[in-house]
């Protein structure tokens, strides 16, 4: 087994995982600490070290609100430890590999965690890479700066570093990817077979990375879970970047809020003080996110996708059934019909008919739908119509999630399944949940290996065929109730088809 590995900066020693055929390396630095003068700068090269770095435990998480305080579903689920180490010095990654030698050239997945670019960390227990690594995949989870430390914009920063004026968290992700490309062969991985993957803001980060031209040669496949967020009714979308010149004003406001007059003064402040002041600031101000700086980010990733300005790679995308629903919030049928015609123009009457036939006419929730599903399918149709020789695979997660809180298929719950880490969860999952998790992890690992999720289950039987999604053949996989994994083949639901096509047309208009 590979227990000691030579990286570009020095030797690292890992530990046997629960399965001793897997070695885990935790807390490997991939960039210099982003502290002092490196605060609000692009990640700098990591310094070499002497001896052997004992990569035995996770590095501190990024600066953020203290996890484990309160009682929301994510605190119950995995943000359970208020004493988890936290530090501004946070640019480290973790690796799980079952390679026995450096020359095995195993496929690689680089994982970006979610959390709205404000919270989250690779050491969340659902992200344990061991089960995926058992399937012959080298798993890498990358930490990155978030919140005000990762995405602050300010005129002084732009003046100081015009080639990298913003999006420091995104640049951390990119630096991690580049480190993997340079070093992963030593861990038995294939630098020419790297998949980037993420969920929620991590999935949005995948979209940002695959539409950054500098990354095109590095990425061979992409997984975007619960992150193609567009409201078919309002056009609102998460991940549509505002321009740097506009957002710099918010940085000036934040410096005023901190009581500093310069970037130098701000860099001298204690990191925890900045963190706590940002939490107060965010109560009445917009948080900091990815901006269009025309360096790393040159536009809305969805628009760039429709312009074919993206890494030309296969994509897996999908959603859970209950997350972020969209609807038309009006009081009665008359108001609904007026609003539908306002939104859809000459197609408004068709939409009204479909809603009536579907019984989707509840006051306050007219046209209730999961917009992520519609958007993922819209992107798949755009890909096909552009004539690209790569596939888009769609999934829906809609099973029965146990627990006293009756959570439904909430945003992020599928992470337990794709990583096959259900045994770490407090929920009373049953045997069929474990069966489904095994199959989901199989699909995920197969896609990482080849760009095609299909293959055999552990008993040698073929898993249900998962075909690419297109308008003509709206295929996909449903991870359904009772643990059944069934293919979705045939005609698309008329209601979903209407809204997916509407989102598609809106994205294509923006791309012109």
Protein backbone atom coordinates (compact mmCIF):
# COMPACT_ATOMS: atom_id res chain seq x y z
CA UNK A 1 0.00 0.00 0.00
CA UNK A 2 1.12 3.58 -0.59
CA UNK A 3 1.71 4.87 2.93
CA UNK A 4 4.53 7.32 2.21
CA UNK A 5 4.41 9.45 -0.93
CA UNK A 6 6.77 12.06 -2.37
CA UNK A 7 5.00 15.26 -3.45
CA UNK A 8 6.54 18.32 -5.07
CA UNK A 9 7.06 19.91 -1.62
CA UNK A 10 8.17 16.90 0.39
CA UNK A 11 7.24 13.49 1.75
CA UNK A 12 3.80 12.80 3.25
CA UNK A 13 2.77 9.80 5.30
CA UNK A 14 -0.82 8.57 5.42
CA UNK A 15 -2.68 6.09 7.58
CA UNK A 16 -4.66 2.96 6.80
CA UNK A 17 -8.36 3.75 6.54
CA UNK A 18 -10.97 1.54 8.21
CA UNK A 19 -10.32 -0.73 5.24
CA UNK A 20 -6.51 -1.14 5.43
CA UNK A 21 -6.34 -1.54 1.67
CA UNK A 22 -7.09 2.19 1.51
CA UNK A 23 -4.63 4.85 2.60
CA UNK A 24 -5.94 8.24 3.72
CA UNK A 25 -3.77 11.34 3.60
CA UNK A 26 -5.32 14.24 5.48
CA UNK A 27 -4.18 17.84 5.72
CA UNK A 28 -1.72 18.09 2.83
CA UNK A 29 -0.91 21.75 2.10
CA UNK A 30 -1.41 22.76 -1.53
CA UNK A 31 -0.74 26.50 -1.15
CA UNK A 32 0.89 28.88 1.28
CA UNK A 33 -1.17 29.99 4.30
CA UNK A 34 -3.49 32.82 3.15
CA UNK A 35 -2.67 34.97 6.17
CA UNK A 36 -1.07 38.37 6.74
CA UNK A 37 -0.08 39.84 3.40
CA UNK A 38 -1.62 36.79 1.69
CA UNK A 39 -5.10 37.58 3.01
CA UNK A 40 -7.30 38.51 0.04
CA UNK A 41 -4.69 37.45 -2.47
CA UNK A 42 -4.64 34.61 -4.98
CA UNK A 43 -3.16 31.44 -3.42
CA UNK A 44 0.63 31.51 -3.29
CA UNK A 45 2.95 28.50 -3.82
CA UNK A 46 3.43 26.15 -0.90
CA UNK A 47 6.89 26.04 0.69
CA UNK A 48 8.89 22.82 0.84
CA UNK A 49 9.26 20.98 4.14
CA UNK A 50 11.94 18.73 5.60
CA UNK A 51 11.34 15.22 6.84
CA UNK A 52 8.00 13.46 6.55
CA UNK A 53 4.73 15.36 6.98
CA UNK A 54 2.38 13.14 8.98
CA UNK A 55 -0.92 13.55 7.10
CA UNK A 56 -2.96 11.89 9.83
CA UNK A 57 -5.78 14.33 10.53
CA UNK A 58 -7.86 16.95 8.83
CA UNK A 59 -6.52 20.49 8.78
CA UNK A 60 -8.55 23.32 10.32
CA UNK A 61 -11.70 24.37 8.50
CA UNK A 62 -12.04 27.75 6.78
CA UNK A 63 -13.12 30.81 8.74
CA UNK A 64 -16.90 30.73 9.16
CA UNK A 65 -19.66 30.81 11.77
CA UNK A 66 -19.01 28.19 14.45
CA UNK A 67 -20.64 24.89 13.42
CA UNK A 68 -22.84 22.90 15.73
CA UNK A 69 -24.65 25.80 17.40
CA UNK A 70 -28.42 25.83 17.00
CA UNK A 71 -30.88 23.26 15.74
CA UNK A 72 -31.35 23.26 12.01
CA UNK A 73 -31.23 20.18 9.84
CA UNK A 74 -27.60 20.63 8.82
CA UNK A 75 -26.46 20.95 12.42
CA UNK A 76 -28.29 17.72 13.19
CA UNK A 77 -26.96 16.08 10.07
CA UNK A 78 -23.22 16.81 9.97
CA UNK A 79 -22.22 20.24 11.34
CA UNK A 80 -22.23 18.62 14.75
CA UNK A 81 -18.97 19.75 16.36
CA UNK A 82 -18.67 23.33 17.68
CA UNK A 83 -15.07 22.55 18.69
CA UNK A 84 -13.87 21.60 15.22
CA UNK A 85 -10.52 23.37 14.65
CA UNK A 86 -10.87 26.54 12.54
CA UNK A 87 -8.11 28.76 11.19
CA UNK A 88 -7.42 31.24 8.44
CA UNK A 89 -4.52 28.94 7.52
CA UNK A 90 -6.78 26.46 5.74
CA UNK A 91 -5.49 25.60 2.27
CA UNK A 92 -5.13 21.86 2.62
CA UNK A 93 -6.54 18.83 0.82
CA UNK A 94 -7.21 15.18 1.61
CA UNK A 95 -6.66 12.04 -0.44
CA UNK A 96 -7.94 8.47 -0.28
CA UNK A 97 -6.28 5.90 -2.55
CA UNK A 98 -6.22 2.12 -2.87
CA UNK A 99 -3.21 2.18 -5.18
CA UNK A 100 -0.33 -0.10 -4.27
CA UNK A 101 2.18 1.73 -6.47
CA UNK A 102 2.48 5.12 -8.16
CA UNK A 103 2.13 3.71 -11.67
CA UNK A 104 -1.49 2.47 -11.48
CA UNK A 105 -3.08 5.52 -13.17
CA UNK A 106 -6.39 5.29 -11.34
CA UNK A 107 -9.17 7.78 -12.18
CA UNK A 108 -9.37 10.80 -9.89
CA UNK A 109 -12.23 12.84 -8.47
CA UNK A 110 -11.68 16.29 -6.96
CA UNK A 111 -14.55 17.24 -4.64
CA UNK A 112 -15.67 20.78 -3.72
CA UNK A 113 -17.96 21.03 -0.69
CA UNK A 114 -21.15 23.10 -0.62
CA UNK A 115 -22.51 25.62 1.86
CA UNK A 116 -23.44 28.72 -0.11
CA UNK A 117 -19.75 29.73 -0.35
CA UNK A 118 -20.19 30.82 3.28
CA UNK A 119 -20.03 27.58 5.28
CA UNK A 120 -18.86 23.99 4.94
CA UNK A 121 -15.64 22.00 5.02
CA UNK A 122 -14.09 18.80 3.61
CA UNK A 123 -13.98 17.09 7.01
CA UNK A 124 -17.78 16.84 7.17
CA UNK A 125 -18.37 13.18 7.93
CA UNK A 126 -20.46 12.48 4.83
CA UNK A 127 -17.43 13.28 2.64
CA UNK A 128 -15.36 10.29 3.76
CA UNK A 129 -13.78 9.08 0.50
CA UNK A 130 -13.08 5.50 1.56
CA UNK A 131 -16.06 3.81 -0.09
CA UNK A 132 -15.40 5.49 -3.44
CA UNK A 133 -11.69 4.67 -3.19
CA UNK A 134 -12.57 0.99 -2.69
CA UNK A 135 -13.97 1.11 -6.22
CA UNK A 136 -10.61 2.09 -7.69
CA UNK A 137 -10.96 5.88 -7.65
CA UNK A 138 -8.50 8.30 -6.05
CA UNK A 139 -10.63 10.72 -4.04
CA UNK A 140 -9.43 14.26 -3.30
CA UNK A 141 -11.38 16.75 -1.17
CA UNK A 142 -10.17 20.34 -1.38
CA UNK A 143 -10.63 23.09 1.18
CA UNK A 144 -11.01 26.69 0.07
CA UNK A 145 -11.64 30.13 1.54
CA UNK A 146 -15.27 31.12 1.91
CA UNK A 147 -17.36 34.12 2.91
CA UNK A 148 -15.59 37.44 3.29
CA UNK A 149 -12.17 35.74 3.28
CA UNK A 150 -12.84 34.02 -0.03
CA UNK A 151 -14.89 36.51 -1.97
CA UNK A 152 -14.35 40.08 -0.69
CA UNK A 153 -13.93 42.68 -3.41
CA UNK A 154 -12.38 46.13 -2.90
CA UNK A 155 -10.78 48.76 -5.17
CA UNK A 156 -7.47 48.50 -3.30
CA UNK A 157 -7.32 44.76 -3.91
CA UNK A 158 -8.03 45.27 -7.60
CA UNK A 159 -5.31 47.91 -7.84
CA UNK A 160 -2.81 45.73 -6.01
CA UNK A 161 -3.45 42.57 -8.07
CA UNK A 162 -5.28 43.39 -11.32
CA UNK A 163 -4.63 39.90 -12.71
CA UNK A 164 -6.28 38.21 -9.72
CA UNK A 165 -8.49 40.83 -8.08
CA UNK A 166 -11.25 38.63 -6.66
CA UNK A 167 -12.74 35.14 -6.32
CA UNK A 168 -10.00 33.93 -3.99
CA UNK A 169 -12.05 30.90 -2.94
CA UNK A 170 -12.48 29.92 -6.58
CA UNK A 171 -8.77 30.40 -7.15
CA UNK A 172 -8.11 28.13 -4.15
CA UNK A 173 -10.25 25.45 -5.81
CA UNK A 174 -8.30 25.94 -9.02
CA UNK A 175 -4.98 25.79 -7.17
CA UNK A 176 -6.08 22.51 -5.59
CA UNK A 177 -6.99 21.13 -9.00
CA UNK A 178 -3.62 22.17 -10.41
CA UNK A 179 -1.81 20.61 -7.44
CA UNK A 180 -3.68 17.38 -8.10
CA UNK A 181 -2.70 17.46 -11.76
CA UNK A 182 0.95 17.90 -10.82
CA UNK A 183 1.10 15.44 -7.90
CA UNK A 184 -1.64 12.83 -8.07
CA UNK A 185 0.41 10.33 -10.07
CA UNK A 186 2.53 9.78 -6.95
CA UNK A 187 -0.65 8.57 -5.20
CA UNK A 188 -1.45 6.14 -8.04
CA UNK A 189 -3.81 8.56 -9.81
CA UNK A 190 -4.03 9.49 -13.48
CA UNK A 191 -3.56 13.25 -13.98
CA UNK A 192 -5.17 12.88 -17.40
CA UNK A 193 -8.40 11.44 -15.99
CA UNK A 194 -9.65 13.99 -13.44
CA UNK A 195 -13.33 14.55 -12.67
CA UNK A 196 -14.36 17.61 -10.68
CA UNK A 197 -17.49 17.26 -8.58
CA UNK A 198 -19.51 19.19 -6.06
CA UNK A 199 -22.94 19.74 -4.56
CA UNK A 200 -24.89 22.97 -4.03
CA UNK A 201 -22.28 25.77 -3.93
CA UNK A 202 -19.72 23.06 -4.65
CA UNK A 203 -21.68 22.17 -7.78
CA UNK A 204 -21.88 25.86 -8.65
CA UNK A 205 -18.12 25.93 -8.21
CA UNK A 206 -17.85 23.07 -10.70
CA UNK A 207 -19.79 25.19 -13.19
CA UNK A 208 -17.41 28.10 -12.52
CA UNK A 209 -14.36 25.89 -12.98
CA UNK A 210 -15.52 24.22 -16.22
CA UNK A 211 -16.20 27.65 -17.75
CA UNK A 212 -12.76 29.01 -16.86
CA UNK A 213 -10.68 28.51 -19.98
CA UNK A 214 -7.43 27.96 -18.10
CA UNK A 215 -8.92 24.78 -16.62
CA UNK A 216 -10.06 23.17 -19.87
CA UNK A 217 -7.02 20.87 -20.29
CA UNK A 218 -7.25 19.63 -16.69
CA UNK A 219 -10.88 18.49 -16.48
CA UNK A 220 -12.18 15.35 -18.14
CA UNK A 221 -15.64 14.99 -16.51
CA UNK A 222 -17.90 17.03 -14.23
CA UNK A 223 -20.56 16.24 -11.62
CA UNK A 224 -22.98 19.02 -10.65
CA UNK A 225 -25.34 18.06 -7.84
CA UNK A 226 -28.26 20.34 -6.90
CA UNK A 227 -26.58 23.45 -8.28
CA UNK A 228 -28.21 24.41 -11.59
CA UNK A 229 -30.58 26.76 -9.81
CA UNK A 230 -32.87 28.83 -12.03
CA UNK A 231 -36.45 29.85 -11.20
CA UNK A 232 -38.55 29.25 -14.34
CA UNK A 233 -41.00 31.98 -13.29
CA UNK A 234 -38.84 34.88 -12.11
CA UNK A 235 -35.59 34.09 -13.92
CA UNK A 236 -33.78 34.34 -10.59
CA UNK A 237 -30.67 32.20 -10.50
CA UNK A 238 -28.07 31.32 -7.90
CA UNK A 239 -24.56 31.66 -9.24
CA UNK A 240 -25.15 34.52 -11.69
CA UNK A 241 -22.14 36.73 -10.94
CA UNK A 242 -22.34 40.48 -10.61
CA UNK A 243 -19.51 42.53 -12.08
CA UNK A 244 -16.43 43.34 -10.04
CA UNK A 245 -16.80 47.09 -10.54
CA UNK A 246 -20.26 46.94 -8.98
CA UNK A 247 -19.28 44.69 -6.09
CA UNK A 248 -16.19 46.69 -5.09
CA UNK A 249 -18.57 49.17 -3.47
CA UNK A 250 -19.68 46.47 -1.04
CA UNK A 251 -16.06 45.94 -0.06
CA UNK A 252 -15.72 49.63 0.72
CA UNK A 253 -18.89 49.43 2.82
CA UNK A 254 -17.49 46.46 4.69
CA UNK A 255 -14.21 48.24 5.44
CA UNK A 256 -16.25 51.15 6.80
CA UNK A 257 -18.19 48.64 8.91
CA UNK A 258 -14.88 47.24 10.22
CA UNK A 259 -13.66 50.74 10.98
CA UNK A 260 -10.56 50.52 8.80
CA UNK A 261 -9.34 52.97 6.21
CA UNK A 262 -7.08 50.78 4.10
CA UNK A 263 -6.38 47.25 2.93
CA UNK A 264 -3.24 47.27 5.08
CA UNK A 265 -5.27 47.97 8.21
CA UNK A 266 -7.80 45.29 7.31
CA UNK A 267 -5.05 42.72 6.88
CA UNK A 268 -3.78 43.50 10.36
CA UNK A 269 -7.10 42.65 12.02
CA UNK A 270 -7.64 39.35 13.82
CA UNK A 271 -9.34 36.79 11.57
CA UNK A 272 -11.96 35.85 14.16
CA UNK A 273 -12.82 39.51 14.64
CA UNK A 274 -13.40 39.86 10.89
CA UNK A 275 -15.45 36.67 10.89
CA UNK A 276 -17.70 37.89 13.70
CA UNK A 277 -18.14 41.35 12.21
CA UNK A 278 -19.02 39.79 8.85
CA UNK A 279 -21.78 37.79 10.54
CA UNK A 280 -23.25 41.02 11.88
CA UNK A 281 -22.73 42.81 8.56
CA UNK A 282 -24.55 40.01 6.72
CA UNK A 283 -27.68 40.58 8.79
CA UNK A 284 -28.40 43.72 6.75
CA UNK A 285 -26.10 43.44 3.75
CA UNK A 286 -25.57 41.06 0.87
CA UNK A 287 -22.86 38.48 1.41
CA UNK A 288 -19.81 38.17 -0.83
CA UNK A 289 -19.89 35.66 -3.68
CA UNK A 290 -18.20 34.95 -7.03
CA UNK A 291 -17.98 38.05 -9.20
CA UNK A 292 -17.27 38.59 -12.86
CA UNK A 293 -13.71 39.83 -12.75
CA UNK A 294 -13.00 39.01 -16.42
CA UNK A 295 -9.98 37.04 -15.23
CA UNK A 296 -11.12 33.84 -13.54
CA UNK A 297 -14.83 34.47 -14.14
CA UNK A 298 -15.86 35.97 -17.47
CA UNK A 299 -19.65 35.62 -17.12
CA UNK A 300 -22.61 33.55 -16.01
CA UNK A 301 -21.57 29.87 -16.26
CA UNK A 302 -24.98 28.91 -17.71
CA UNK A 303 -24.63 31.51 -20.46
CA UNK A 304 -21.07 30.44 -21.18
CA UNK A 305 -22.25 26.84 -21.36
CA UNK A 306 -24.80 27.80 -24.02
CA UNK A 307 -22.01 29.54 -25.94
CA UNK A 308 -19.92 26.34 -25.78
CA UNK A 309 -17.30 28.25 -23.80
CA UNK A 310 -16.67 25.41 -21.39
CA UNK A 311 -14.61 22.30 -20.92
CA UNK A 312 -16.10 19.87 -23.42
CA UNK A 313 -16.66 17.01 -21.00
CA UNK A 314 -19.52 14.67 -19.98
CA UNK A 315 -21.69 15.98 -17.17
CA UNK A 316 -23.78 14.27 -14.50
CA UNK A 317 -26.38 16.56 -12.92
CA UNK A 318 -29.55 16.22 -10.89
CA UNK A 319 -31.53 17.15 -7.82
CA UNK A 320 -33.43 15.95 -4.80
CA UNK A 321 -37.19 16.08 -5.13
CA UNK A 322 -37.98 18.50 -2.29
CA UNK A 323 -35.23 21.11 -2.52
CA UNK A 324 -35.78 24.77 -3.46
CA UNK A 325 -39.24 24.50 -5.07
CA UNK A 326 -40.51 27.25 -7.35
CA UNK A 327 -44.10 28.42 -7.71
CA UNK A 328 -46.31 31.34 -8.70
CA UNK A 329 -47.49 32.92 -5.47
CA UNK A 330 -50.94 34.36 -6.19
CA UNK A 331 -54.25 34.05 -4.38
CA UNK A 332 -56.67 32.73 -6.98
CA UNK A 333 -57.06 31.29 -10.48
CA UNK A 334 -57.75 34.66 -12.09
CA UNK A 335 -54.53 36.16 -10.75
CA UNK A 336 -52.65 33.02 -11.75
CA UNK A 337 -53.85 33.20 -15.35
CA UNK A 338 -52.86 36.85 -15.60
CA UNK A 339 -49.43 36.11 -14.16
CA UNK A 340 -48.91 33.10 -16.43
CA UNK A 341 -49.62 35.19 -19.52
CA UNK A 342 -47.27 37.88 -18.24
CA UNK A 343 -44.46 35.36 -17.77
CA UNK A 344 -44.93 33.15 -20.83
CA UNK A 345 -46.49 35.55 -23.33
CA UNK A 346 -48.21 33.77 -26.19
CA UNK A 347 -47.48 30.43 -24.49
CA UNK A 348 -49.31 31.45 -21.34
CA UNK A 349 -52.56 29.73 -22.26
CA UNK A 350 -50.72 26.49 -22.95
CA UNK A 351 -49.12 26.66 -19.53
CA UNK A 352 -52.47 27.36 -17.87
CA UNK A 353 -53.97 24.32 -19.60
CA UNK A 354 -51.13 22.06 -18.49
CA UNK A 355 -51.40 23.24 -14.88
CA UNK A 356 -55.14 22.62 -14.84
CA UNK A 357 -54.75 19.15 -16.30
CA UNK A 358 -52.03 18.34 -13.77
CA UNK A 359 -54.04 19.71 -10.86
CA UNK A 360 -51.16 22.09 -10.16
CA UNK A 361 -53.50 24.91 -9.09
CA UNK A 362 -53.08 25.37 -5.33
CA UNK A 363 -53.42 29.05 -4.27
CA UNK A 364 -50.02 30.41 -3.30
CA UNK A 365 -48.31 27.47 -4.98
CA UNK A 366 -49.54 27.55 -8.57
CA UNK A 367 -47.24 25.66 -10.91
CA UNK A 368 -45.28 24.05 -8.04
CA UNK A 369 -42.06 22.65 -9.51
CA UNK A 370 -38.42 21.87 -8.81
CA UNK A 371 -36.56 24.41 -10.90
CA UNK A 372 -33.25 22.56 -10.57
CA UNK A 373 -34.73 19.59 -12.38
CA UNK A 374 -35.95 21.82 -15.18
CA UNK A 375 -32.62 23.61 -15.43
CA UNK A 376 -30.51 20.44 -15.49
CA UNK A 377 -32.69 19.12 -18.29
CA UNK A 378 -32.48 22.46 -20.12
CA UNK A 379 -28.68 22.32 -20.00
CA UNK A 380 -28.77 18.76 -21.31
CA UNK A 381 -30.94 19.84 -24.25
CA UNK A 382 -28.65 22.78 -24.99
CA UNK A 383 -25.64 20.47 -25.00
CA UNK A 384 -27.30 18.15 -27.51
CA UNK A 385 -28.55 20.92 -29.78
CA UNK A 386 -25.06 22.38 -29.94
CA UNK A 387 -23.96 19.09 -31.48
CA UNK A 388 -21.42 18.28 -28.78
CA UNK A 389 -19.98 14.79 -28.74
CA UNK A 390 -20.30 14.47 -24.95
CA UNK A 391 -23.27 13.28 -22.91
CA UNK A 392 -25.29 14.77 -20.06
CA UNK A 393 -26.76 12.33 -17.53
CA UNK A 394 -29.72 13.36 -15.34
CA UNK A 395 -30.84 11.88 -12.00
CA UNK A 396 -33.57 12.57 -9.46
CA UNK A 397 -33.28 11.56 -5.81
CA UNK A 398 -36.71 10.84 -4.31
CA UNK A 399 -36.59 8.19 -1.62
CA UNK A 400 -38.04 7.91 1.88
CA UNK A 401 -35.70 9.53 4.41
CA UNK A 402 -36.34 8.29 7.96
CA UNK A 403 -36.11 10.33 11.15
CA UNK A 404 -38.29 12.03 13.75
CA UNK A 405 -38.03 15.31 11.82
CA UNK A 406 -39.70 13.86 8.67
CA UNK A 407 -37.27 15.81 6.49
CA UNK A 408 -38.31 14.66 3.04
CA UNK A 409 -35.70 14.71 0.30
CA UNK A 410 -34.01 17.82 1.59
CA UNK A 411 -31.17 19.68 -0.09
CA UNK A 412 -27.92 17.70 0.37
CA UNK A 413 -29.38 14.43 1.68
CA UNK A 414 -28.13 12.48 -1.34
CA UNK A 415 -24.53 13.05 -0.19
CA UNK A 416 -24.87 10.21 2.30
CA UNK A 417 -25.73 7.95 -0.64
CA UNK A 418 -23.28 8.97 -3.35
CA UNK A 419 -20.38 8.70 -0.87
CA UNK A 420 -21.97 5.55 0.62
CA UNK A 421 -21.48 6.88 4.15
CA UNK A 422 -24.95 6.14 5.56
CA UNK A 423 -23.47 4.29 8.55
CA UNK A 424 -22.14 7.62 9.86
CA UNK A 425 -25.63 9.16 9.94
CA UNK A 426 -27.94 9.13 12.98
CA UNK A 427 -30.98 8.36 10.84
CA UNK A 428 -32.41 4.81 11.08
CA UNK A 429 -31.68 3.79 7.50
CA UNK A 430 -32.72 0.28 6.54
CA UNK A 431 -31.25 -2.38 4.31
CA UNK A 432 -32.76 -1.10 1.09
CA UNK A 433 -31.27 2.35 1.73
CA UNK A 434 -27.85 0.72 1.91
CA UNK A 435 -28.57 -1.18 -1.30
CA UNK A 436 -29.46 2.03 -3.05
CA UNK A 437 -26.40 3.83 -1.68
CA UNK A 438 -24.19 1.03 -3.00
CA UNK A 439 -25.70 1.34 -6.47
CA UNK A 440 -25.53 5.15 -6.44
CA UNK A 441 -21.88 5.01 -5.45
CA UNK A 442 -21.31 2.47 -8.24
CA UNK A 443 -22.88 4.81 -10.81
CA UNK A 444 -20.88 7.76 -9.48
CA UNK A 445 -17.60 5.84 -9.54
CA UNK A 446 -18.22 4.45 -13.03
CA UNK A 447 -18.88 7.94 -14.35
CA UNK A 448 -15.66 9.18 -12.74
CA UNK A 449 -13.78 6.35 -14.43
CA UNK A 450 -15.18 6.51 -17.95
CA UNK A 451 -17.79 9.26 -18.34
CA UNK A 452 -20.49 6.57 -18.44
CA UNK A 453 -22.25 5.58 -15.17
CA UNK A 454 -23.34 2.13 -16.33
CA UNK A 455 -21.87 -1.15 -15.18
CA UNK A 456 -22.39 -4.06 -12.84
CA UNK A 457 -23.42 -4.20 -9.21
CA UNK A 458 -21.32 -5.97 -6.59
CA UNK A 459 -23.05 -9.31 -7.28
CA UNK A 460 -22.15 -9.18 -10.97
CA UNK A 461 -25.63 -8.26 -12.23
CA UNK A 462 -26.15 -5.33 -14.54
CA UNK A 463 -27.44 -2.17 -12.90
CA UNK A 464 -30.46 -0.51 -14.57
CA UNK A 465 -29.31 1.23 -17.72
CA UNK A 466 -28.75 4.97 -17.35
CA UNK A 467 -29.00 6.69 -20.71
CA UNK A 468 -28.14 10.34 -21.50
CA UNK A 469 -30.89 12.95 -21.37
CA UNK A 470 -31.98 14.64 -24.60
CA UNK A 471 -35.20 16.28 -25.69
CA UNK A 472 -35.95 13.40 -28.06
CA UNK A 473 -35.03 10.76 -25.47
CA UNK A 474 -35.62 12.18 -21.98
CA UNK A 475 -33.79 9.49 -20.08
CA UNK A 476 -32.40 9.47 -16.60
CA UNK A 477 -32.37 7.58 -13.33
CA UNK A 478 -34.79 7.86 -10.44
CA UNK A 479 -33.44 6.93 -7.03
CA UNK A 480 -36.88 6.22 -5.69
CA UNK A 481 -38.83 5.19 -2.63
CA UNK A 482 -38.33 1.72 -1.26
CA UNK A 483 -34.75 1.66 -2.46
CA UNK A 484 -35.69 0.91 -6.08
CA UNK A 485 -33.40 2.33 -8.73
CA UNK A 486 -35.41 2.62 -11.93
CA UNK A 487 -34.65 4.05 -15.32
CA UNK A 488 -36.74 6.96 -16.56
CA UNK A 489 -37.27 6.28 -20.23
CA UNK A 490 -39.88 7.52 -22.67
CA UNK A 491 -41.77 10.77 -22.93
CA UNK A 492 -41.08 13.66 -20.60
CA UNK A 493 -43.81 14.92 -18.29
CA UNK A 494 -45.54 17.73 -20.24
CA UNK A 495 -45.32 20.20 -17.35
CA UNK A 496 -41.58 19.62 -16.80
CA UNK A 497 -40.92 19.68 -20.54
CA UNK A 498 -42.67 23.06 -20.89
CA UNK A 499 -40.66 24.68 -18.09
CA UNK A 500 -37.35 23.08 -19.05
CA UNK A 501 -37.80 24.40 -22.57
CA UNK A 502 -38.67 27.85 -21.19
CA UNK A 503 -35.46 27.94 -19.14
CA UNK A 504 -33.51 26.67 -22.14
CA UNK A 505 -34.83 29.47 -24.33
CA UNK A 506 -34.04 32.08 -21.67
CA UNK A 507 -30.45 30.84 -21.33
CA UNK A 508 -30.03 30.76 -25.10
CA UNK A 509 -31.33 34.34 -25.41
CA UNK A 510 -28.77 35.47 -22.85
CA UNK A 511 -26.07 33.66 -24.83
CA UNK A 512 -26.71 35.60 -28.02
